[in-house]
Amino acid sequence: DLEEETKALCKQLQLQNAVDFLGFMDNPLKLL
């Protein structure tokens, strides 16, 4: 429920080029 606020803050802090929001992943183990 804080996803949109977090994305807005990410943009405000000019982190768009550094941060990717990948959403829900059922199996994020390889990424980890």
All heavy atoms as atom14 arrays in JSON, in Angstrom:
{
  "sequence": "DLEEETKALCKQLQLQNAVDFLGFMDNPLKLL",
  "atom14_mask": [
    [1, 1, 1, 1, 1, 1, 1, 1, 0, 0, 0, 0, 0, 0],
    [1, 1, 1, 1, 1, 1, 1, 1, 0, 0, 0, 0, 0, 0],
    [1, 1, 1, 1, 1, 1, 1, 1, 1, 0, 0, 0, 0, 0],
    [1, 1, 1, 1, 1, 1, 1, 1, 1, 0, 0, 0, 0, 0],
    [1, 1, 1, 1, 1, 1, 1, 1, 1, 0, 0, 0, 0, 0],
    [1, 1, 1, 1, 1, 1, 1, 0, 0, 0, 0, 0, 0, 0],
    [1, 1, 1, 1, 1, 1, 1, 1, 1, 0, 0, 0, 0, 0],
    [1, 1, 1, 1, 1, 0, 0, 0, 0, 0, 0, 0, 0, 0],
    [1, 1, 1, 1, 1, 1, 1, 1, 0, 0, 0, 0, 0, 0],
    [1, 1, 1, 1, 1, 1, 0, 0, 0, 0, 0, 0, 0, 0],
    [1, 1, 1, 1, 1, 1, 1, 1, 1, 0, 0, 0, 0, 0],
    [1, 1, 1, 1, 1, 1, 1, 1, 1, 0, 0, 0, 0, 0],
    [1, 1, 1, 1, 1, 1, 1, 1, 0, 0, 0, 0, 0, 0],
    [1, 1, 1, 1, 1, 1, 1, 1, 1, 0, 0, 0, 0, 0],
    [1, 1, 1, 1, 1, 1, 1, 1, 0, 0, 0, 0, 0, 0],
    [1, 1, 1, 1, 1, 1, 1, 1, 1, 0, 0, 0, 0, 0],
    [1, 1, 1, 1, 1, 1, 1, 1, 0, 0, 0, 0, 0, 0],
    [1, 1, 1, 1, 1, 0, 0, 0, 0, 0, 0, 0, 0, 0],
    [1, 1, 1, 1, 1, 1, 1, 0, 0, 0, 0, 0, 0, 0],
    [1, 1, 1, 1, 1, 1, 1, 1, 0, 0, 0, 0, 0, 0],
    [1, 1, 1, 1, 1, 1, 1, 1, 1, 1, 1, 0, 0, 0],
    [1, 1, 1, 1, 1, 1, 1, 1, 0, 0, 0, 0, 0, 0],
    [1, 1, 1, 1, 0, 0, 0, 0, 0, 0, 0, 0, 0, 0],
    [1, 1, 1, 1, 1, 1, 1, 1, 1, 1, 1, 0, 0, 0],
    [1, 1, 1, 1, 1, 1, 1, 1, 0, 0, 0, 0, 0, 0],
    [1, 1, 1, 1, 1, 1, 1, 1, 0, 0, 0, 0, 0, 0],
    [1, 1, 1, 1, 1, 1, 1, 1, 0, 0, 0, 0, 0, 0],
    [1, 1, 1, 1, 1, 1, 1, 0, 0, 0, 0, 0, 0, 0],
    [1, 1, 1, 1, 1, 1, 1, 1, 0, 0, 0, 0, 0, 0],
    [1, 1, 1, 1, 1, 1, 1, 1, 1, 0, 0, 0, 0, 0],
    [1, 1, 1, 1, 1, 1, 1, 1, 0, 0, 0, 0, 0, 0],
    [1, 1, 1, 1, 1, 1, 1, 1, 0, 0, 0, 0, 0, 0]
  ],
  "atom14_positions": [
    [[0.8, -1.22, 0.0], [0.0, 0.0, 0.0], [0.83, 1.27, 0.0], [0.3, 2.36, -0.18], [-1.0, 0.0, 1.15], [-0.36, -0.22, 2.51], [0.85, 0.02, 2.65], [-1.07, -0.64, 3.44], [0.0, 0.0, 0.0], [0.0, 0.0, 0.0], [0.0, 0.0, 0.0], [0.0, 0.0, 0.0], [0.0, 0.0, 0.0], [0.0, 0.0, 0.0]],
    [[2.14, 1.15, 0.21], [3.01, 2.34, 0.13], [3.79, 2.38, -1.18], [4.72, 3.18, -1.33], [4.0, 2.35, 1.31], [3.41, 2.57, 2.7], [4.51, 2.58, 3.76], [2.61, 3.87, 2.77], [0.0, 0.0, 0.0], [0.0, 0.0, 0.0], [0.0, 0.0, 0.0], [0.0, 0.0, 0.0], [0.0, 0.0, 0.0], [0.0, 0.0, 0.0]],
    [[3.39, 1.55, -2.13], [4.15, 1.46, -3.39], [4.18, 2.79, -4.14], [5.25, 3.26, -4.56], [3.55, 0.37, -4.28], [4.3, 0.18, -5.59], [3.78, -1.0, -6.39], [2.9, -1.73, -5.88], [4.26, -1.2, -7.52], [0.0, 0.0, 0.0], [0.0, 0.0, 0.0], [0.0, 0.0, 0.0], [0.0, 0.0, 0.0], [0.0, 0.0, 0.0]],
    [[3.02, 3.41, -4.32], [2.97, 4.65, -5.09], [3.72, 5.77, -4.38], [4.43, 6.57, -5.01], [1.53, 5.04, -5.38], [0.8, 4.07, -6.3], [1.57, 3.8, -7.58], [2.06, 4.77, -8.2], [1.68, 2.62, -7.96], [0.0, 0.0, 0.0], [0.0, 0.0, 0.0], [0.0, 0.0, 0.0], [0.0, 0.0, 0.0], [0.0, 0.0, 0.0]],
    [[3.57, 5.85, -3.06], [4.29, 6.88, -2.29], [5.79, 6.66, -2.38], [6.58, 7.61, -2.47], [3.85, 6.86, -0.83], [2.43, 7.33, -0.6], [2.05, 7.29, 0.87], [2.87, 7.73, 1.69], [0.95, 6.82, 1.2], [0.0, 0.0, 0.0], [0.0, 0.0, 0.0], [0.0, 0.0, 0.0], [0.0, 0.0, 0.0], [0.0, 0.0, 0.0]],
    [[6.21, 5.39, -2.34], [7.63, 5.08, -2.41], [8.19, 5.44, -3.79], [9.29, 6.0, -3.91], [7.87, 3.59, -2.11], [7.31, 3.26, -0.84], [9.36, 3.27, -2.09], [0.0, 0.0, 0.0], [0.0, 0.0, 0.0], [0.0, 0.0, 0.0], [0.0, 0.0, 0.0], [0.0, 0.0, 0.0], [0.0, 0.0, 0.0], [0.0, 0.0, 0.0]],
    [[7.43, 5.13, -4.83], [7.86, 5.47, -6.18], [7.94, 6.99, -6.37], [8.86, 7.5, -7.03], [6.91, 4.87, -7.21], [7.04, 3.36, -7.37], [6.05, 2.83, -8.4], [6.24, 1.34, -8.63], [5.26, 0.8, -9.61], [0.0, 0.0, 0.0], [0.0, 0.0, 0.0], [0.0, 0.0, 0.0], [0.0, 0.0, 0.0], [0.0, 0.0, 0.0]],
    [[6.99, 7.69, -5.77], [7.0, 9.15, -5.87], [8.23, 9.73, -5.17], [8.87, 10.66, -5.67], [5.72, 9.72, -5.26], [0.0, 0.0, 0.0], [0.0, 0.0, 0.0], [0.0, 0.0, 0.0], [0.0, 0.0, 0.0], [0.0, 0.0, 0.0], [0.0, 0.0, 0.0], [0.0, 0.0, 0.0], [0.0, 0.0, 0.0], [0.0, 0.0, 0.0]],
    [[8.55, 9.18, -4.01], [9.74, 9.64, -3.28], [11.0, 9.29, -4.06], [11.96, 10.09, -4.09], [9.77, 9.0, -1.9], [10.93, 9.41, -0.99], [10.97, 10.93, -0.78], [10.83, 8.7, 0.36], [0.0, 0.0, 0.0], [0.0, 0.0, 0.0], [0.0, 0.0, 0.0], [0.0, 0.0, 0.0], [0.0, 0.0, 0.0], [0.0, 0.0, 0.0]],
    [[11.02, 8.13, -4.68], [12.16, 7.74, -5.51], [12.4, 8.77, -6.62], [13.54, 9.18, -6.87], [11.9, 6.36, -6.11], [13.19, 5.76, -7.22], [0.0, 0.0, 0.0], [0.0, 0.0, 0.0], [0.0, 0.0, 0.0], [0.0, 0.0, 0.0], [0.0, 0.0, 0.0], [0.0, 0.0, 0.0], [0.0, 0.0, 0.0], [0.0, 0.0, 0.0]],
    [[11.32, 9.2, -7.24], [11.42, 10.21, -8.29], [11.85, 11.55, -7.73], [12.69, 12.25, -8.31], [10.07, 10.34, -9.0], [10.09, 11.27, -10.2], [8.74, 11.27, -10.9], [8.76, 12.19, -12.12], [7.44, 12.19, -12.83], [0.0, 0.0, 0.0], [0.0, 0.0, 0.0], [0.0, 0.0, 0.0], [0.0, 0.0, 0.0], [0.0, 0.0, 0.0]],
    [[11.29, 11.91, -6.58], [11.64, 13.17, -5.93], [13.13, 13.24, -5.6], [13.76, 14.29, -5.72], [10.82, 13.33, -4.65], [11.13, 14.6, -3.86], [10.36, 14.63, -2.54], [9.22, 14.16, -2.45], [10.98, 15.16, -1.5], [0.0, 0.0, 0.0], [0.0, 0.0, 0.0], [0.0, 0.0, 0.0], [0.0, 0.0, 0.0], [0.0, 0.0, 0.0]],
    [[13.69, 12.09, -5.2], [15.11, 12.01, -4.83], [16.0, 11.75, -6.04], [17.21, 11.55, -5.88], [15.32, 10.92, -3.77], [14.59, 11.13, -2.45], [14.8, 9.94, -1.52], [15.07, 12.42, -1.77], [0.0, 0.0, 0.0], [0.0, 0.0, 0.0], [0.0, 0.0, 0.0], [0.0, 0.0, 0.0], [0.0, 0.0, 0.0], [0.0, 0.0, 0.0]],
    [[15.38, 11.72, -7.22], [16.09, 11.55, -8.5], [16.89, 10.24, -8.54], [18.04, 10.19, -8.94], [17.03, 12.76, -8.75], [16.27, 14.07, -8.85], [17.17, 15.26, -9.14], [18.39, 15.19, -9.02], [16.55, 16.37, -9.53], [0.0, 0.0, 0.0], [0.0, 0.0, 0.0], [0.0, 0.0, 0.0], [0.0, 0.0, 0.0], [0.0, 0.0, 0.0]],
    [[16.18, 9.18, -8.15], [16.8, 7.85, -8.14], [16.3, 6.96, -9.28], [16.61, 5.77, -9.31], [16.5, 7.15, -6.8], [17.15, 7.73, -5.55], [16.59, 7.07, -4.3], [18.67, 7.56, -5.6], [0.0, 0.0, 0.0], [0.0, 0.0, 0.0], [0.0, 0.0, 0.0], [0.0, 0.0, 0.0], [0.0, 0.0, 0.0], [0.0, 0.0, 0.0]],
    [[15.55, 7.54, -10.22], [14.94, 6.7, -11.26], [15.96, 5.91, -12.05], [15.69, 4.76, -12.47], [14.12, 7.57, -12.25], [13.09, 8.48, -11.61], [13.62, 9.9, -11.45], [14.66, 10.1, -10.81], [12.92, 10.86, -12.03], [0.0, 0.0, 0.0], [0.0, 0.0, 0.0], [0.0, 0.0, 0.0], [0.0, 0.0, 0.0], [0.0, 0.0, 0.0]],
    [[17.12, 6.47, -12.29], [18.14, 5.77, -13.09], [18.83, 4.66, -12.31], [19.45, 3.77, -12.92], [19.19, 6.77, -13.6], [18.61, 7.75, -14.61], [17.64, 7.44, -15.29], [19.2, 8.93, -14.69], [0.0, 0.0, 0.0], [0.0, 0.0, 0.0], [0.0, 0.0, 0.0], [0.0, 0.0, 0.0], [0.0, 0.0, 0.0], [0.0, 0.0, 0.0]],
    [[18.72, 4.7, -10.99], [19.41, 3.71, -10.17], [18.48, 2.59, -9.7], [18.94, 1.46, -9.49], [20.04, 4.38, -8.94], [0.0, 0.0, 0.0], [0.0, 0.0, 0.0], [0.0, 0.0, 0.0], [0.0, 0.0, 0.0], [0.0, 0.0, 0.0], [0.0, 0.0, 0.0], [0.0, 0.0, 0.0], [0.0, 0.0, 0.0], [0.0, 0.0, 0.0]],
    [[17.2, 2.9, -9.54], [16.27, 1.97, -8.89], [15.25, 1.42, -9.88], [14.61, 2.19, -10.62], [15.53, 2.66, -7.72], [14.51, 1.72, -7.11], [16.53, 3.14, -6.68], [0.0, 0.0, 0.0], [0.0, 0.0, 0.0], [0.0, 0.0, 0.0], [0.0, 0.0, 0.0], [0.0, 0.0, 0.0], [0.0, 0.0, 0.0], [0.0, 0.0, 0.0]],
    [[15.11, 0.11, -9.91], [14.05, -0.54, -10.68], [13.04, -1.17, -9.72], [13.42, -1.98, -8.85], [14.62, -1.65, -11.57], [15.43, -1.11, -12.74], [15.19, 0.05, -13.13], [16.31, -1.84, -13.24], [0.0, 0.0, 0.0], [0.0, 0.0, 0.0], [0.0, 0.0, 0.0], [0.0, 0.0, 0.0], [0.0, 0.0, 0.0], [0.0, 0.0, 0.0]],
    [[11.77, -0.82, -9.87], [10.7, -1.45, -9.1], [10.19, -2.64, -9.91], [9.58, -2.47, -10.96], [9.57, -0.46, -8.84], [9.91, 0.59, -7.81], [10.57, 1.76, -8.18], [9.58, 0.41, -6.47], [10.88, 2.74, -7.23], [9.88, 1.37, -5.52], [10.54, 2.53, -5.89], [0.0, 0.0, 0.0], [0.0, 0.0, 0.0], [0.0, 0.0, 0.0]],
    [[10.45, -3.84, -9.43], [10.15, -5.06, -10.18], [8.82, -5.69, -9.79], [8.42, -6.69, -10.39], [11.28, -6.07, -10.0], [12.68, -5.59, -10.41], [13.69, -6.7, -10.22], [12.69, -5.09, -11.85], [0.0, 0.0, 0.0], [0.0, 0.0, 0.0], [0.0, 0.0, 0.0], [0.0, 0.0, 0.0], [0.0, 0.0, 0.0], [0.0, 0.0, 0.0]],
    [[8.13, -5.13, -8.79], [6.86, -5.68, -8.36], [7.03, -7.02, -7.66], [8.12, -7.36, -7.19], [0.0, 0.0, 0.0], [0.0, 0.0, 0.0], [0.0, 0.0, 0.0], [0.0, 0.0, 0.0], [0.0, 0.0, 0.0], [0.0, 0.0, 0.0], [0.0, 0.0, 0.0], [0.0, 0.0, 0.0], [0.0, 0.0, 0.0], [0.0, 0.0, 0.0]],
    [[5.94, -7.78, -7.61], [5.99, -9.08, -6.95], [6.69, -10.1, -7.83], [6.44, -10.18, -9.03], [4.57, -9.56, -6.64], [4.53, -10.98, -6.14], [4.88, -11.28, -4.83], [4.15, -12.03, -6.99], [4.85, -12.59, -4.38], [4.11, -13.33, -6.53], [4.46, -13.62, -5.22], [0.0, 0.0, 0.0], [0.0, 0.0, 0.0], [0.0, 0.0, 0.0]],
    [[7.59, -10.88, -7.24], [8.24, -12.0, -7.92], [8.04, -13.24, -7.06], [8.41, -13.25, -5.89], [9.73, -11.75, -8.13], [10.07, -10.66, -9.12], [11.88, -10.41, -9.28], [12.38, -11.97, -10.04], [0.0, 0.0, 0.0], [0.0, 0.0, 0.0], [0.0, 0.0, 0.0], [0.0, 0.0, 0.0], [0.0, 0.0, 0.0], [0.0, 0.0, 0.0]],
    [[7.45, -14.28, -7.64], [7.23, -15.51, -6.89], [8.55, -16.2, -6.57], [8.67, -16.87, -5.55], [6.32, -16.46, -7.68], [6.05, -17.74, -6.92], [5.58, -17.66, -5.77], [6.34, -18.83, -7.47], [0.0, 0.0, 0.0], [0.0, 0.0, 0.0], [0.0, 0.0, 0.0], [0.0, 0.0, 0.0], [0.0, 0.0, 0.0], [0.0, 0.0, 0.0]],
    [[9.54, -16.04, -7.43], [10.83, -16.69, -7.21], [11.97, -15.69, -7.47], [12.56, -15.67, -8.56], [10.97, -17.9, -8.12], [12.27, -18.66, -7.9], [13.01, -18.39, -6.95], [12.57, -19.61, -8.77], [0.0, 0.0, 0.0], [0.0, 0.0, 0.0], [0.0, 0.0, 0.0], [0.0, 0.0, 0.0], [0.0, 0.0, 0.0], [0.0, 0.0, 0.0]],
    [[12.3, -14.86, -6.48], [13.37, -13.87, -6.66], [14.75, -14.39, -6.26], [15.7, -13.61, -6.12], [12.94, -12.75, -5.72], [12.29, -13.48, -4.58], [11.62, -14.7, -5.18], [0.0, 0.0, 0.0], [0.0, 0.0, 0.0], [0.0, 0.0, 0.0], [0.0, 0.0, 0.0], [0.0, 0.0, 0.0], [0.0, 0.0, 0.0], [0.0, 0.0, 0.0]],
    [[14.9, -15.7, -6.07], [16.13, -16.24, -5.49], [17.34, -16.04, -6.38], [18.44, -15.73, -5.89], [15.95, -17.72, -5.16], [14.9, -18.02, -4.09], [14.71, -19.53, -3.92], [15.29, -17.39, -2.76], [0.0, 0.0, 0.0], [0.0, 0.0, 0.0], [0.0, 0.0, 0.0], [0.0, 0.0, 0.0], [0.0, 0.0, 0.0], [0.0, 0.0, 0.0]],
    [[17.19, -16.22, -7.69], [18.34, -16.02, -8.58], [18.75, -14.56, -8.6], [19.95, -14.23, -8.6], [18.0, -16.51, -9.99], [19.17, -16.43, -10.99], [20.35, -17.25, -10.54], [21.35, -17.5, -11.67], [21.83, -16.29, -12.34], [0.0, 0.0, 0.0], [0.0, 0.0, 0.0], [0.0, 0.0, 0.0], [0.0, 0.0, 0.0], [0.0, 0.0, 0.0]],
    [[17.77, -13.67, -8.62], [18.07, -12.24, -8.57], [18.83, -11.92, -7.29], [19.82, -11.18, -7.3], [16.79, -11.44, -8.65], [16.92, -9.91, -8.66], [15.82, -9.3, -9.51], [16.85, -9.32, -7.25], [0.0, 0.0, 0.0], [0.0, 0.0, 0.0], [0.0, 0.0, 0.0], [0.0, 0.0, 0.0], [0.0, 0.0, 0.0], [0.0, 0.0, 0.0]],
    [[18.37, -12.49, -6.17], [19.04, -12.27, -4.88], [20.46, -12.8, -4.92], [21.4, -12.13, -4.49], [18.23, -12.95, -3.77], [18.81, -12.9, -2.36], [18.96, -11.46, -1.89], [17.91, -13.68, -1.4], [0.0, 0.0, 0.0], [0.0, 0.0, 0.0], [0.0, 0.0, 0.0], [0.0, 0.0, 0.0], [0.0, 0.0, 0.0], [0.0, 0.0, 0.0]]
  ]
}
